[in-house]
Each structure stands twice: as structure tokens, then as C-alpha cells.
Amino acid sequence: MPCTDDEEAAEEARKQAQREQDQQEKDEFEARLRARDEEKTRKLMEARLSKEEMEVTTTPVTSFPLHLI
């Protein structure tokens, strides 16, 4: 039994709606990944800064010139 024009149009509309939904889900997934990556990047930078700060704060006092202490 051949498809009618109405059935073909309905099928095409259903396929288009599915493509749009898939694209929206893909965009949302991408946004979540970017947010997670950004969050991890900030944590790495904060950790690195903290480590550098730790090195500065743990420098022995004897390494400074005595007239500045």
C-alpha cells in the first residue's frame, strides 16, 4: 500500500522534530561538558597557586637577610 502525501508529510515532520530534539540534547550535553571542564580547570589553577603560595610561606626565615627581619 503506497503512502499518501499526508502520511509522508507527517513522517517528515516527525523526523524533523526528532532531529531538533537530538540537536537540543547535544547542545545541552556540550554545555554540561564545558561547565565541568571549566570547573576542573579552575580547581587545577587554584591548586597550583596554593602550591606556589605554600612554597613562599614555607621558605625558611634564615634565607632572608638578617637586617630585614
C-alpha atoms as a PDB file:
ATOM      1  CA  MET A   1       0.000   0.000   0.000  1.00  0.00           C
ATOM      2  CA  PRO A   2       1.655   3.288  -1.075  1.00  0.00           C
ATOM      3  CA  CYS A   3       1.998   6.178   1.371  1.00  0.00           C
ATOM      4  CA  THR A   4      -0.142   9.222   0.836  1.00  0.00           C
ATOM      5  CA  ASP A   5       1.211  12.740   0.738  1.00  0.00           C
ATOM      6  CA  ASP A   6      -0.255  13.369   4.201  1.00  0.00           C
ATOM      7  CA  GLU A   7       1.499  10.306   5.628  1.00  0.00           C
ATOM      8  CA  GLU A   8       4.795  11.326   4.021  1.00  0.00           C
ATOM      9  CA  ALA A   9       4.443  14.858   5.377  1.00  0.00           C
ATOM     10  CA  ALA A  10       3.641  13.525   8.857  1.00  0.00           C
ATOM     11  CA  GLU A  11       6.652  11.191   8.726  1.00  0.00           C
ATOM     12  CA  GLU A  12       8.932  14.013   7.587  1.00  0.00           C
ATOM     13  CA  ALA A  13       7.600  16.269  10.360  1.00  0.00           C
ATOM     14  CA  ARG A  14       8.258  13.509  12.914  1.00  0.00           C
ATOM     15  CA  LYS A  15      11.813  13.054  11.619  1.00  0.00           C
ATOM     16  CA  GLN A  16      12.428  16.817  11.733  1.00  0.00           C
ATOM     17  CA  ALA A  17      11.128  17.022  15.302  1.00  0.00           C
ATOM     18  CA  GLN A  18      13.435  14.137  16.274  1.00  0.00           C
ATOM     19  CA  ARG A  19      16.437  15.890  14.642  1.00  0.00           C
ATOM     20  CA  GLU A  20      15.645  19.103  16.528  1.00  0.00           C
ATOM     21  CA  GLN A  21      15.319  17.221  19.817  1.00  0.00           C
ATOM     22  CA  ASP A  22      18.604  15.407  19.178  1.00  0.00           C
ATOM     23  CA  GLN A  23      20.349  18.708  18.419  1.00  0.00           C
ATOM     24  CA  GLN A  24      18.965  20.296  21.591  1.00  0.00           C
ATOM     25  CA  GLU A  25      20.137  17.330  23.693  1.00  0.00           C
ATOM     26  CA  LYS A  26      23.560  17.510  22.043  1.00  0.00           C
ATOM     27  CA  ASP A  27      23.824  21.248  22.809  1.00  0.00           C
ATOM     28  CA  GLU A  28      22.810  20.686  26.444  1.00  0.00           C
ATOM     29  CA  PHE A  29      25.347  17.865  26.793  1.00  0.00           C
ATOM     30  CA  GLU A  30      28.078  20.047  25.312  1.00  0.00           C
ATOM     31  CA  ALA A  31      27.220  22.861  27.744  1.00  0.00           C
ATOM     32  CA  ARG A  32      27.469  20.448  30.698  1.00  0.00           C
ATOM     33  CA  LEU A  33      30.845  19.187  29.495  1.00  0.00           C
ATOM     34  CA  ARG A  34      32.169  22.717  29.055  1.00  0.00           C
ATOM     35  CA  ALA A  35      30.977  23.692  32.539  1.00  0.00           C
ATOM     36  CA  ARG A  36      32.590  20.609  34.062  1.00  0.00           C
ATOM     37  CA  ASP A  37      35.861  21.232  32.215  1.00  0.00           C
ATOM     38  CA  GLU A  38      35.855  24.872  33.272  1.00  0.00           C
ATOM     39  CA  GLU A  39      35.236  23.864  36.881  1.00  0.00           C
ATOM     40  CA  LYS A  40      38.127  21.386  36.812  1.00  0.00           C
ATOM     41  CA  THR A  41      40.411  23.924  35.157  1.00  0.00           C
ATOM     42  CA  ARG A  42      39.715  26.441  37.896  1.00  0.00           C
ATOM     43  CA  LYS A  43      40.446  23.830  40.557  1.00  0.00           C
ATOM     44  CA  LEU A  44      43.768  22.978  38.935  1.00  0.00           C
ATOM     45  CA  MET A  45      44.734  26.628  38.773  1.00  0.00           C
ATOM     46  CA  GLU A  46      43.710  27.192  42.372  1.00  0.00           C
ATOM     47  CA  ALA A  47      45.718  24.153  43.450  1.00  0.00           C
ATOM     48  CA  ARG A  48      48.759  25.364  41.541  1.00  0.00           C
ATOM     49  CA  LEU A  49      48.508  28.827  43.082  1.00  0.00           C
ATOM     50  CA  SER A  50      48.083  27.322  46.504  1.00  0.00           C
ATOM     51  CA  LYS A  51      51.171  25.187  45.978  1.00  0.00           C
ATOM     52  CA  GLU A  52      53.175  28.241  44.893  1.00  0.00           C
ATOM     53  CA  GLU A  53      51.889  30.152  47.895  1.00  0.00           C
ATOM     54  CA  MET A  54      52.841  27.234  50.117  1.00  0.00           C
ATOM     55  CA  GLU A  55      56.404  27.349  48.770  1.00  0.00           C
ATOM     56  CA  VAL A  56      56.624  31.061  49.516  1.00  0.00           C
ATOM     57  CA  THR A  57      55.195  30.745  53.005  1.00  0.00           C
ATOM     58  CA  THR A  58      57.388  27.762  53.914  1.00  0.00           C
ATOM     59  CA  THR A  59      60.651  29.467  52.930  1.00  0.00           C
ATOM     60  CA  PRO A  60      62.915  29.364  55.986  1.00  0.00           C
ATOM     61  CA  VAL A  61      63.400  32.665  57.718  1.00  0.00           C
ATOM     62  CA  THR A  62      67.163  32.147  57.692  1.00  0.00           C
ATOM     63  CA  SER A  63      67.208  32.652  53.932  1.00  0.00           C
ATOM     64  CA  PHE A  64      66.289  36.326  54.380  1.00  0.00           C
ATOM     65  CA  PRO A  65      68.932  38.937  55.105  1.00  0.00           C
ATOM     66  CA  LEU A  66      69.126  39.413  58.851  1.00  0.00           C
ATOM     67  CA  HIS A  67      68.839  43.192  58.673  1.00  0.00           C
ATOM     68  CA  LEU A  68      65.332  42.793  57.160  1.00  0.00           C
ATOM     69  CA  ILE A  69      63.992  40.543  59.933  1.00  0.00           C
END
